[in-house]
Amino acid sequence: MPQLSEPTTAVHHSFLAAMEEFTAEGRGAPEDGSAIARDLRRFGDSWQNADVFAEYVAFARSQATEETAAALRYVPTSTYWYVEGGTYYGRIAVRHRLNAMLLEYGGHIGYDVRPTARRRGYATAMLRAALPRAAALGLERALVTCDHDNVASRKVIEACGGVFEDRRGVKLRYWIATPAAEPAAPSPPSSSA
């Protein structure tokens, strides 16, 4: 069963194949504002080189830091890849907080599943696995959005507990409660002599 993992060089070849699949469906075009599109435009021509791919993996991991995020004018974002062995199935990003644009458009969590791995429940599994990570960042609930005509993504969000708030432009906005931290075990009663 695939698991969430920090970005890793262990899936280099499978990652390249997945990016070819995304490109074939039109991702990476100038009007595509997704994280995968930005990465395709910035790194896509050089990912074949193992050293460049290793730099990209380090870059993807570094986006969780305030310093890197500030330099990119993003909010800190923890990126996880959905992998099994050497196979890359997709990615999910957990943004540590919202800015004005993310509140309207992108939300706390965004995900992509490679085209040949869709319709297997991976997006739902990824989102469920990411919610405790969002909770660990102090988020009591996470905003997740999708295009109004993306029925599959809407079903994923609703299956993970998404509660519809509204539609803004082409985006449907849902809030999902993150799992509460487990309460500490009660202390044993103190004995007084």
N, C-alpha and C. Protein backbone atom coordinates (compact mmCIF):
# COMPACT_ATOMS: atom_id res chain seq x y z
N MET A 1 0.85 -1.19 0.00
CA MET A 1 0.00 0.00 0.00
C MET A 1 0.89 1.24 0.00
N PRO A 2 0.63 2.18 -0.89
CA PRO A 2 1.42 3.42 -0.89
C PRO A 2 1.27 4.18 0.42
N GLN A 3 2.28 5.00 0.71
CA GLN A 3 2.30 5.81 1.93
C GLN A 3 2.77 7.22 1.59
N LEU A 4 2.43 8.17 2.45
CA LEU A 4 3.00 9.51 2.31
C LEU A 4 4.45 9.46 2.73
N SER A 5 5.29 10.17 2.00
CA SER A 5 6.71 10.22 2.26
C SER A 5 7.19 11.64 1.95
N GLU A 6 8.23 12.06 2.61
CA GLU A 6 8.86 13.30 2.15
C GLU A 6 9.40 13.05 0.76
N PRO A 7 9.54 14.09 -0.06
CA PRO A 7 10.11 13.89 -1.39
C PRO A 7 11.44 13.14 -1.30
N THR A 8 11.68 12.22 -2.23
CA THR A 8 12.84 11.35 -2.18
C THR A 8 13.37 11.07 -3.58
N THR A 9 14.68 10.92 -3.68
CA THR A 9 15.30 10.58 -4.97
C THR A 9 15.04 9.13 -5.35
N ALA A 10 14.54 8.31 -4.43
CA ALA A 10 14.32 6.88 -4.69
C ALA A 10 13.28 6.62 -5.77
N VAL A 11 12.46 7.61 -6.10
CA VAL A 11 11.41 7.42 -7.10
C VAL A 11 11.69 8.21 -8.39
N HIS A 12 12.95 8.51 -8.64
CA HIS A 12 13.33 9.38 -9.76
C HIS A 12 12.67 8.95 -11.08
N HIS A 13 12.86 7.72 -11.49
CA HIS A 13 12.37 7.28 -12.80
C HIS A 13 10.84 7.31 -12.85
N SER A 14 10.18 6.86 -11.81
CA SER A 14 8.73 6.87 -11.77
C SER A 14 8.19 8.30 -11.75
N PHE A 15 8.88 9.18 -11.03
CA PHE A 15 8.50 10.59 -10.98
C PHE A 15 8.55 11.19 -12.38
N LEU A 16 9.62 10.90 -13.12
CA LEU A 16 9.74 11.42 -14.49
C LEU A 16 8.58 10.94 -15.36
N ALA A 17 8.24 9.67 -15.24
CA ALA A 17 7.13 9.12 -16.02
C ALA A 17 5.82 9.82 -15.64
N ALA A 18 5.63 10.08 -14.35
CA ALA A 18 4.42 10.77 -13.89
C ALA A 18 4.35 12.18 -14.46
N MET A 19 5.48 12.88 -14.48
CA MET A 19 5.49 14.24 -15.02
C MET A 19 5.19 14.24 -16.52
N GLU A 20 5.64 13.20 -17.22
CA GLU A 20 5.28 13.08 -18.64
C GLU A 20 3.77 12.91 -18.79
N GLU A 21 3.16 12.14 -17.89
CA GLU A 21 1.71 11.96 -17.92
C GLU A 21 0.99 13.29 -17.67
N PHE A 22 1.44 14.05 -16.68
CA PHE A 22 0.82 15.34 -16.40
C PHE A 22 0.98 16.28 -17.59
N THR A 23 2.16 16.29 -18.19
CA THR A 23 2.41 17.15 -19.35
C THR A 23 1.49 16.76 -20.50
N ALA A 24 1.31 15.46 -20.73
CA ALA A 24 0.46 14.98 -21.82
C ALA A 24 -0.99 15.42 -21.64
N GLU A 25 -1.43 15.62 -20.40
CA GLU A 25 -2.81 16.07 -20.20
C GLU A 25 -2.91 17.60 -20.16
N GLY A 26 -1.79 18.28 -20.45
CA GLY A 26 -1.83 19.74 -20.56
C GLY A 26 -1.33 20.51 -19.36
N ARG A 27 -0.83 19.81 -18.33
CA ARG A 27 -0.31 20.51 -17.16
C ARG A 27 1.01 21.19 -17.52
N GLY A 28 1.27 22.29 -16.87
CA GLY A 28 2.50 23.04 -17.10
C GLY A 28 2.34 24.21 -18.04
N ALA A 29 1.18 24.37 -18.61
CA ALA A 29 0.93 25.51 -19.50
C ALA A 29 1.00 26.81 -18.71
N PRO A 30 1.31 27.91 -19.37
CA PRO A 30 1.44 29.19 -18.64
C PRO A 30 0.22 29.57 -17.80
N GLU A 31 -0.97 29.21 -18.25
CA GLU A 31 -2.18 29.58 -17.50
C GLU A 31 -2.45 28.64 -16.33
N ASP A 32 -1.72 27.54 -16.22
CA ASP A 32 -1.88 26.58 -15.12
C ASP A 32 -1.10 27.10 -13.92
N GLY A 33 -1.82 27.47 -12.87
CA GLY A 33 -1.18 28.03 -11.68
C GLY A 33 -0.87 27.02 -10.60
N SER A 34 -1.03 25.73 -10.89
CA SER A 34 -0.80 24.71 -9.87
C SER A 34 0.67 24.56 -9.54
N ALA A 35 0.94 23.94 -8.40
CA ALA A 35 2.33 23.71 -7.98
C ALA A 35 3.04 22.79 -8.96
N ILE A 36 2.36 21.77 -9.44
CA ILE A 36 3.00 20.87 -10.42
C ILE A 36 3.36 21.65 -11.68
N ALA A 37 2.47 22.53 -12.13
CA ALA A 37 2.77 23.32 -13.33
C ALA A 37 3.98 24.22 -13.12
N ARG A 38 4.03 24.87 -11.96
CA ARG A 38 5.20 25.73 -11.68
C ARG A 38 6.48 24.91 -11.68
N ASP A 39 6.44 23.73 -11.06
CA ASP A 39 7.63 22.88 -11.03
C ASP A 39 8.00 22.37 -12.41
N LEU A 40 7.00 22.01 -13.22
CA LEU A 40 7.28 21.58 -14.59
C LEU A 40 7.96 22.69 -15.38
N ARG A 41 7.46 23.90 -15.24
CA ARG A 41 8.07 25.02 -15.98
C ARG A 41 9.48 25.32 -15.48
N ARG A 42 9.70 25.20 -14.19
CA ARG A 42 11.00 25.56 -13.62
C ARG A 42 12.05 24.45 -13.76
N PHE A 43 11.65 23.20 -13.56
CA PHE A 43 12.62 22.11 -13.50
C PHE A 43 12.48 21.05 -14.61
N GLY A 44 11.33 21.04 -15.27
CA GLY A 44 10.99 19.94 -16.16
C GLY A 44 12.04 19.57 -17.20
N ASP A 45 12.73 20.55 -17.76
CA ASP A 45 13.72 20.25 -18.79
C ASP A 45 14.99 19.63 -18.23
N SER A 46 15.20 19.72 -16.92
CA SER A 46 16.47 19.26 -16.35
C SER A 46 16.33 18.13 -15.33
N TRP A 47 15.11 17.67 -15.05
CA TRP A 47 14.90 16.61 -14.07
C TRP A 47 15.58 15.30 -14.43
N GLN A 48 15.85 15.08 -15.71
CA GLN A 48 16.49 13.83 -16.12
C GLN A 48 17.84 13.65 -15.42
N ASN A 49 18.53 14.75 -15.20
CA ASN A 49 19.83 14.72 -14.55
C ASN A 49 19.64 14.39 -13.06
N ALA A 50 20.28 13.33 -12.59
CA ALA A 50 20.10 12.87 -11.20
C ALA A 50 20.49 13.95 -10.20
N ASP A 51 21.54 14.73 -10.49
CA ASP A 51 21.96 15.77 -9.56
C ASP A 51 20.92 16.89 -9.48
N VAL A 52 20.36 17.25 -10.62
CA VAL A 52 19.32 18.28 -10.63
C VAL A 52 18.08 17.77 -9.90
N PHE A 53 17.75 16.50 -10.11
CA PHE A 53 16.59 15.93 -9.41
C PHE A 53 16.82 15.95 -7.90
N ALA A 54 18.02 15.63 -7.47
CA ALA A 54 18.35 15.67 -6.03
C ALA A 54 18.20 17.10 -5.50
N GLU A 55 18.60 18.08 -6.29
CA GLU A 55 18.43 19.49 -5.89
C GLU A 55 16.94 19.83 -5.79
N TYR A 56 16.16 19.31 -6.73
CA TYR A 56 14.71 19.55 -6.70
C TYR A 56 14.09 18.94 -5.44
N VAL A 57 14.48 17.71 -5.11
CA VAL A 57 13.96 17.05 -3.90
C VAL A 57 14.29 17.90 -2.67
N ALA A 58 15.52 18.38 -2.59
CA ALA A 58 15.91 19.24 -1.46
C ALA A 58 15.08 20.53 -1.46
N PHE A 59 14.86 21.09 -2.63
CA PHE A 59 14.06 22.31 -2.75
C PHE A 59 12.63 22.05 -2.27
N ALA A 60 12.03 20.93 -2.71
CA ALA A 60 10.66 20.61 -2.31
C ALA A 60 10.56 20.47 -0.80
N ARG A 61 11.54 19.84 -0.19
CA ARG A 61 11.54 19.69 1.27
C ARG A 61 11.72 21.03 1.99
N SER A 62 12.53 21.91 1.40
CA SER A 62 12.85 23.19 2.05
C SER A 62 11.68 24.16 2.08
N GLN A 63 10.65 23.92 1.29
CA GLN A 63 9.53 24.86 1.23
C GLN A 63 8.73 24.89 2.53
N ALA A 64 8.99 23.95 3.43
CA ALA A 64 8.33 23.96 4.73
C ALA A 64 8.93 24.99 5.67
N THR A 65 10.09 25.53 5.32
CA THR A 65 10.75 26.50 6.20
C THR A 65 10.27 27.92 5.89
N GLU A 66 10.24 28.74 6.92
CA GLU A 66 9.85 30.14 6.75
C GLU A 66 10.79 30.86 5.77
N GLU A 67 12.09 30.56 5.87
CA GLU A 67 13.07 31.27 5.04
C GLU A 67 12.83 31.01 3.55
N THR A 68 12.68 29.75 3.19
CA THR A 68 12.46 29.42 1.77
C THR A 68 11.12 29.98 1.31
N ALA A 69 10.09 29.79 2.11
CA ALA A 69 8.77 30.28 1.73
C ALA A 69 8.78 31.79 1.53
N ALA A 70 9.43 32.52 2.44
CA ALA A 70 9.49 33.97 2.32
C ALA A 70 10.22 34.38 1.05
N ALA A 71 11.31 33.70 0.73
CA ALA A 71 12.06 34.03 -0.48
C ALA A 71 11.24 33.80 -1.74
N LEU A 72 10.35 32.82 -1.71
CA LEU A 72 9.50 32.52 -2.86
C LEU A 72 8.18 33.31 -2.84
N ARG A 73 7.94 34.01 -1.74
CA ARG A 73 6.70 34.74 -1.51
C ARG A 73 5.51 33.78 -1.45
N TYR A 74 5.73 32.63 -0.81
CA TYR A 74 4.70 31.63 -0.54
C TYR A 74 4.53 31.54 0.97
N VAL A 75 3.57 30.77 1.39
CA VAL A 75 3.48 30.40 2.80
C VAL A 75 4.25 29.09 2.95
N PRO A 76 4.76 28.78 4.14
CA PRO A 76 5.44 27.50 4.33
C PRO A 76 4.51 26.35 3.95
N THR A 77 5.07 25.39 3.24
CA THR A 77 4.28 24.27 2.72
C THR A 77 5.06 22.98 2.89
N SER A 78 4.43 22.01 3.55
CA SER A 78 5.02 20.67 3.67
C SER A 78 4.48 19.83 2.52
N THR A 79 5.39 19.32 1.71
CA THR A 79 5.01 18.51 0.55
C THR A 79 5.33 17.05 0.84
N TYR A 80 4.36 16.20 0.53
CA TYR A 80 4.54 14.76 0.68
C TYR A 80 4.24 14.10 -0.65
N TRP A 81 4.98 13.04 -0.93
CA TRP A 81 4.73 12.25 -2.12
C TRP A 81 4.07 10.95 -1.69
N TYR A 82 3.18 10.47 -2.51
CA TYR A 82 2.50 9.20 -2.27
C TYR A 82 3.26 8.14 -3.05
N VAL A 83 3.97 7.29 -2.35
CA VAL A 83 4.89 6.35 -3.00
C VAL A 83 4.76 4.95 -2.41
N GLU A 84 5.19 3.99 -3.20
CA GLU A 84 5.32 2.62 -2.75
C GLU A 84 6.53 2.05 -3.47
N GLY A 85 7.53 1.64 -2.68
CA GLY A 85 8.77 1.18 -3.29
C GLY A 85 9.35 2.30 -4.13
N GLY A 86 9.63 2.02 -5.39
CA GLY A 86 10.18 3.02 -6.28
C GLY A 86 9.14 3.70 -7.14
N THR A 87 7.86 3.57 -6.78
CA THR A 87 6.79 4.12 -7.62
C THR A 87 6.18 5.36 -6.99
N TYR A 88 6.10 6.40 -7.80
CA TYR A 88 5.50 7.68 -7.42
C TYR A 88 4.07 7.70 -7.96
N TYR A 89 3.09 7.95 -7.07
CA TYR A 89 1.69 8.00 -7.48
C TYR A 89 1.11 9.41 -7.46
N GLY A 90 1.67 10.29 -6.64
CA GLY A 90 1.12 11.63 -6.56
C GLY A 90 1.78 12.43 -5.47
N ARG A 91 1.23 13.63 -5.26
CA ARG A 91 1.77 14.52 -4.25
C ARG A 91 0.62 15.23 -3.54
N ILE A 92 0.90 15.63 -2.30
CA ILE A 92 -0.06 16.43 -1.56
C ILE A 92 0.73 17.48 -0.80
N ALA A 93 0.22 18.68 -0.79
CA ALA A 93 0.88 19.80 -0.12
C ALA A 93 -0.01 20.30 1.01
N VAL A 94 0.59 20.48 2.17
CA VAL A 94 -0.12 21.01 3.33
C VAL A 94 0.48 22.38 3.63
N ARG A 95 -0.32 23.40 3.38
CA ARG A 95 0.14 24.78 3.64
C ARG A 95 -0.09 25.10 5.10
N HIS A 96 0.91 25.68 5.72
CA HIS A 96 0.88 25.88 7.17
C HIS A 96 -0.10 26.96 7.60
N ARG A 97 -0.44 27.84 6.69
CA ARG A 97 -1.42 28.89 6.98
C ARG A 97 -1.96 29.41 5.65
N LEU A 98 -2.98 30.24 5.74
CA LEU A 98 -3.58 30.82 4.53
C LEU A 98 -3.16 32.27 4.37
N ASN A 99 -3.00 32.68 3.12
CA ASN A 99 -2.93 34.10 2.80
C ASN A 99 -4.22 34.42 2.04
N ALA A 100 -4.37 35.64 1.57
CA ALA A 100 -5.62 36.05 0.93
C ALA A 100 -5.93 35.19 -0.29
N MET A 101 -4.93 34.90 -1.12
CA MET A 101 -5.15 34.11 -2.32
C MET A 101 -5.54 32.68 -1.98
N LEU A 102 -4.86 32.08 -1.00
CA LEU A 102 -5.18 30.70 -0.61
C LEU A 102 -6.56 30.59 0.02
N LEU A 103 -6.98 31.62 0.73
CA LEU A 103 -8.31 31.63 1.32
C LEU A 103 -9.38 31.59 0.23
N GLU A 104 -9.14 32.25 -0.87
CA GLU A 104 -10.10 32.28 -1.97
C GLU A 104 -9.95 31.10 -2.92
N TYR A 105 -8.73 30.68 -3.19
CA TYR A 105 -8.47 29.80 -4.32
C TYR A 105 -7.86 28.45 -3.96
N GLY A 106 -6.78 28.44 -3.18
CA GLY A 106 -6.00 27.22 -3.05
C GLY A 106 -6.21 26.40 -1.80
N GLY A 107 -6.60 27.03 -0.70
CA GLY A 107 -6.81 26.30 0.53
C GLY A 107 -5.54 25.87 1.23
N HIS A 108 -5.71 25.11 2.29
CA HIS A 108 -4.58 24.57 3.06
C HIS A 108 -3.93 23.38 2.38
N ILE A 109 -4.73 22.60 1.66
CA ILE A 109 -4.24 21.33 1.13
C ILE A 109 -4.57 21.24 -0.36
N GLY A 110 -3.56 20.87 -1.13
CA GLY A 110 -3.75 20.62 -2.56
C GLY A 110 -3.09 19.30 -2.92
N TYR A 111 -3.64 18.59 -3.86
CA TYR A 111 -3.11 17.28 -4.20
C TYR A 111 -3.25 17.01 -5.69
N ASP A 112 -2.42 16.11 -6.19
CA ASP A 112 -2.46 15.65 -7.57
C ASP A 112 -2.10 14.17 -7.59
N VAL A 113 -2.85 13.40 -8.34
CA VAL A 113 -2.56 11.99 -8.57
C VAL A 113 -2.24 11.83 -10.04
N ARG A 114 -1.15 11.12 -10.34
CA ARG A 114 -0.76 10.94 -11.74
C ARG A 114 -1.91 10.27 -12.50
N PRO A 115 -2.09 10.64 -13.76
CA PRO A 115 -3.24 10.14 -14.52
C PRO A 115 -3.41 8.63 -14.54
N THR A 116 -2.34 7.86 -14.65
CA THR A 116 -2.49 6.40 -14.72
C THR A 116 -2.78 5.76 -13.37
N ALA A 117 -2.78 6.55 -12.30
CA ALA A 117 -3.06 6.01 -10.96
C ALA A 117 -4.40 6.49 -10.41
N ARG A 118 -5.17 7.16 -11.23
CA ARG A 118 -6.46 7.68 -10.77
C ARG A 118 -7.51 6.57 -10.70
N ARG A 119 -8.57 6.87 -9.94
CA ARG A 119 -9.69 5.96 -9.75
C ARG A 119 -9.32 4.70 -8.97
N ARG A 120 -8.33 4.84 -8.10
CA ARG A 120 -7.93 3.73 -7.23
C ARG A 120 -8.08 4.09 -5.75
N GLY A 121 -8.62 5.27 -5.47
CA GLY A 121 -8.78 5.69 -4.08
C GLY A 121 -7.56 6.38 -3.50
N TYR A 122 -6.55 6.64 -4.33
CA TYR A 122 -5.31 7.24 -3.82
C TYR A 122 -5.51 8.67 -3.32
N ALA A 123 -6.30 9.47 -4.03
CA ALA A 123 -6.50 10.85 -3.58
C ALA A 123 -7.17 10.88 -2.21
N THR A 124 -8.16 10.02 -2.02
CA THR A 124 -8.84 9.97 -0.72
C THR A 124 -7.87 9.52 0.37
N ALA A 125 -7.07 8.50 0.07
CA ALA A 125 -6.10 8.01 1.06
C ALA A 125 -5.06 9.08 1.38
N MET A 126 -4.61 9.80 0.37
CA MET A 126 -3.63 10.86 0.59
C MET A 126 -4.20 11.96 1.48
N LEU A 127 -5.42 12.39 1.16
CA LEU A 127 -6.02 13.47 1.94
C LEU A 127 -6.25 13.03 3.38
N ARG A 128 -6.75 11.81 3.58
CA ARG A 128 -6.95 11.31 4.95
C ARG A 128 -5.63 11.27 5.72
N ALA A 129 -4.57 10.83 5.05
CA ALA A 129 -3.26 10.74 5.71
C ALA A 129 -2.66 12.11 5.99
N ALA A 130 -3.03 13.11 5.21
CA ALA A 130 -2.48 14.46 5.40
C ALA A 130 -3.17 15.22 6.53
N LEU A 131 -4.40 14.86 6.86
CA LEU A 131 -5.13 15.61 7.88
C LEU A 131 -4.46 15.58 9.24
N PRO A 132 -3.93 14.45 9.72
CA PRO A 132 -3.20 14.50 11.00
C PRO A 132 -1.95 15.38 10.92
N ARG A 133 -1.35 15.46 9.76
CA ARG A 133 -0.17 16.32 9.60
C ARG A 133 -0.58 17.79 9.69
N ALA A 134 -1.75 18.10 9.15
CA ALA A 134 -2.28 19.46 9.29
C ALA A 134 -2.58 19.76 10.76
N ALA A 135 -3.14 18.79 11.45
CA ALA A 135 -3.43 18.97 12.88
C ALA A 135 -2.14 19.22 13.66
N ALA A 136 -1.07 18.50 13.30
CA ALA A 136 0.21 18.67 13.98
C ALA A 136 0.77 20.08 13.78
N LEU A 137 0.34 20.76 12.73
CA LEU A 137 0.76 22.15 12.49
C LEU A 137 -0.11 23.14 13.27
N GLY A 138 -1.10 22.63 14.00
CA GLY A 138 -1.98 23.49 14.78
C GLY A 138 -3.27 23.87 14.08
N LEU A 139 -3.53 23.26 12.92
CA LEU A 139 -4.76 23.56 12.20
C LEU A 139 -5.90 22.71 12.74
N GLU A 140 -6.94 23.35 13.25
CA GLU A 140 -8.10 22.61 13.75
C GLU A 140 -9.00 22.17 12.61
N ARG A 141 -8.94 22.91 11.52
CA ARG A 141 -9.67 22.55 10.31
C ARG A 141 -8.87 23.05 9.12
N ALA A 142 -9.07 22.35 8.00
CA ALA A 142 -8.31 22.67 6.79
C ALA A 142 -9.27 23.03 5.67
N LEU A 143 -8.93 24.09 4.95
CA LEU A 143 -9.69 24.48 3.77
C LEU A 143 -9.14 23.71 2.58
N VAL A 144 -10.04 23.02 1.86
CA VAL A 144 -9.67 22.30 0.65
C VAL A 144 -10.63 22.75 -0.45
N THR A 145 -10.08 23.10 -1.59
CA THR A 145 -10.90 23.61 -2.69
C THR A 145 -10.76 22.71 -3.92
N CYS A 146 -11.73 22.84 -4.80
CA CYS A 146 -11.65 22.16 -6.09
C CYS A 146 -12.46 22.95 -7.10
N ASP A 147 -12.17 22.74 -8.37
CA ASP A 147 -12.97 23.37 -9.42
C ASP A 147 -14.40 22.84 -9.35
N HIS A 148 -15.35 23.70 -9.66
CA HIS A 148 -16.76 23.32 -9.56
C HIS A 148 -17.13 22.14 -10.44
N ASP A 149 -16.39 21.92 -11.52
CA ASP A 149 -16.71 20.83 -12.43
C ASP A 149 -15.84 19.58 -12.20
N ASN A 150 -15.02 19.58 -11.14
CA ASN A 150 -14.17 18.43 -10.84
C ASN A 150 -14.92 17.51 -9.87
N VAL A 151 -15.78 16.68 -10.42
CA VAL A 151 -16.63 15.80 -9.62
C VAL A 151 -15.79 14.83 -8.78
N ALA A 152 -14.74 14.29 -9.37
CA ALA A 152 -13.91 13.32 -8.64
C ALA A 152 -13.28 13.97 -7.41
N SER A 153 -12.74 15.18 -7.54
CA SER A 153 -12.12 15.84 -6.41
C SER A 153 -13.16 16.21 -5.36
N ARG A 154 -14.32 16.63 -5.81
CA ARG A 154 -15.38 16.95 -4.86
C ARG A 154 -15.75 15.72 -4.04
N LYS A 155 -15.83 14.55 -4.67
CA LYS A 155 -16.16 13.32 -3.94
C LYS A 155 -15.06 12.95 -2.95
N VAL A 156 -13.80 13.19 -3.32
CA VAL A 156 -12.67 12.93 -2.41
C VAL A 156 -12.81 13.79 -1.16
N ILE A 157 -13.03 15.08 -1.36
CA ILE A 157 -13.13 16.02 -0.24
C ILE A 157 -14.30 15.64 0.66
N GLU A 158 -15.43 15.33 0.07
CA GLU A 158 -16.60 14.97 0.87
C GLU A 158 -16.39 13.65 1.60
N ALA A 159 -15.71 12.69 0.98
CA ALA A 159 -15.43 11.41 1.63
C ALA A 159 -14.52 11.57 2.84
N CYS A 160 -13.75 12.65 2.85
CA CYS A 160 -12.83 12.91 3.97
C CYS A 160 -13.44 13.86 4.99
N GLY A 161 -14.74 14.11 4.89
CA GLY A 161 -15.43 14.94 5.88
C GLY A 161 -15.58 16.39 5.50
N GLY A 162 -15.31 16.73 4.25
CA GLY A 162 -15.42 18.12 3.82
C GLY A 162 -16.84 18.64 3.93
N VAL A 163 -16.98 19.82 4.53
CA VAL A 163 -18.27 20.49 4.67
C VAL A 163 -18.24 21.70 3.74
N PHE A 164 -19.16 21.70 2.77
CA PHE A 164 -19.22 22.77 1.77
C PHE A 164 -19.53 24.10 2.44
N GLU A 165 -18.72 25.12 2.11
CA GLU A 165 -19.00 26.47 2.60
C GLU A 165 -19.62 27.32 1.51
N ASP A 166 -18.93 27.44 0.36
CA ASP A 166 -19.46 28.26 -0.71
C ASP A 166 -18.67 28.05 -2.00
N ARG A 167 -19.14 28.71 -3.04
CA ARG A 167 -18.44 28.72 -4.33
C ARG A 167 -17.96 30.15 -4.54
N ARG A 168 -16.68 30.26 -4.92
CA ARG A 168 -16.10 31.55 -5.25
C ARG A 168 -15.46 31.43 -6.62
N GLY A 169 -16.07 32.07 -7.59
CA GLY A 169 -15.60 31.90 -8.97
C GLY A 169 -15.82 30.46 -9.39
N VAL A 170 -14.76 29.83 -9.87
CA VAL A 170 -14.88 28.43 -10.29
C VAL A 170 -14.58 27.46 -9.15
N LYS A 171 -14.22 27.97 -7.99
CA LYS A 171 -13.79 27.11 -6.88
C LYS A 171 -14.91 26.83 -5.88
N LEU A 172 -15.03 25.56 -5.53
CA LEU A 172 -15.87 25.14 -4.42
C LEU A 172 -14.96 25.07 -3.19
N ARG A 173 -15.45 25.58 -2.06
CA ARG A 173 -14.63 25.64 -0.85
C ARG A 173 -15.24 24.76 0.23
N TYR A 174 -14.41 23.88 0.79
CA TYR A 174 -14.83 22.94 1.83
C TYR A 174 -13.90 23.07 3.02
N TRP A 175 -14.44 22.89 4.21
CA TRP A 175 -13.64 22.82 5.43
C TRP A 175 -13.71 21.40 5.97
N ILE A 176 -12.55 20.88 6.38
CA ILE A 176 -12.46 19.55 6.96
C ILE A 176 -11.84 19.68 8.35
N ALA A 177 -12.53 19.14 9.35
CA ALA A 177 -11.97 19.13 10.70
C ALA A 177 -10.78 18.18 10.71
N THR A 178 -9.69 18.62 11.32
CA THR A 178 -8.53 17.74 11.44
C THR A 178 -8.69 16.91 12.72
N PRO A 179 -8.07 15.74 12.76
CA PRO A 179 -8.23 14.90 13.96
C PRO A 179 -7.66 15.60 15.19
N ALA A 180 -8.40 15.54 16.27
CA ALA A 180 -7.93 16.14 17.51
C ALA A 180 -6.77 15.32 18.04
N ALA A 181 -5.87 16.00 18.69
CA ALA A 181 -4.77 15.30 19.32
C ALA A 181 -5.35 14.40 20.40
N GLU A 182 -4.77 13.25 20.56
CA GLU A 182 -5.27 12.34 21.59
C GLU A 182 -5.01 12.95 22.96
N PRO A 183 -6.00 12.91 23.83
CA PRO A 183 -5.80 13.49 25.16
C PRO A 183 -4.76 12.69 25.93
N ALA A 184 -4.06 13.41 26.76
CA ALA A 184 -3.06 12.75 27.60
C ALA A 184 -3.76 11.81 28.57
N ALA A 185 -3.09 10.74 28.86
CA ALA A 185 -3.65 9.79 29.83
C ALA A 185 -3.76 10.48 31.18
N PRO A 186 -4.82 10.19 31.93
CA PRO A 186 -4.94 10.85 33.24
C PRO A 186 -3.82 10.40 34.18
N SER A 187 -3.41 11.33 34.98
CA SER A 187 -2.37 11.01 35.96
C SER A 187 -2.96 10.15 37.06
N PRO A 188 -2.18 9.20 37.56
CA PRO A 188 -2.70 8.40 38.67
C PRO A 188 -2.88 9.30 39.90
N PRO A 189 -3.85 8.97 40.73
CA PRO A 189 -4.05 9.79 41.93
C PRO A 189 -2.82 9.74 42.80
N SER A 190 -2.52 10.86 43.37
CA SER A 190 -1.36 10.89 44.25
C SER A 190 -1.77 10.32 45.61
N SER A 191 -0.85 9.63 46.19
CA SER A 191 -1.14 9.09 47.52
C SER A 191 -0.53 10.00 48.56
N SER A 192 -1.30 10.34 49.51
CA SER A 192 -0.77 11.17 50.59
C SER A 192 -0.76 10.33 51.87
N ALA A 193 0.28 10.48 52.59
CA ALA A 193 0.42 9.69 53.82
C ALA A 193 -0.02 10.46 55.02
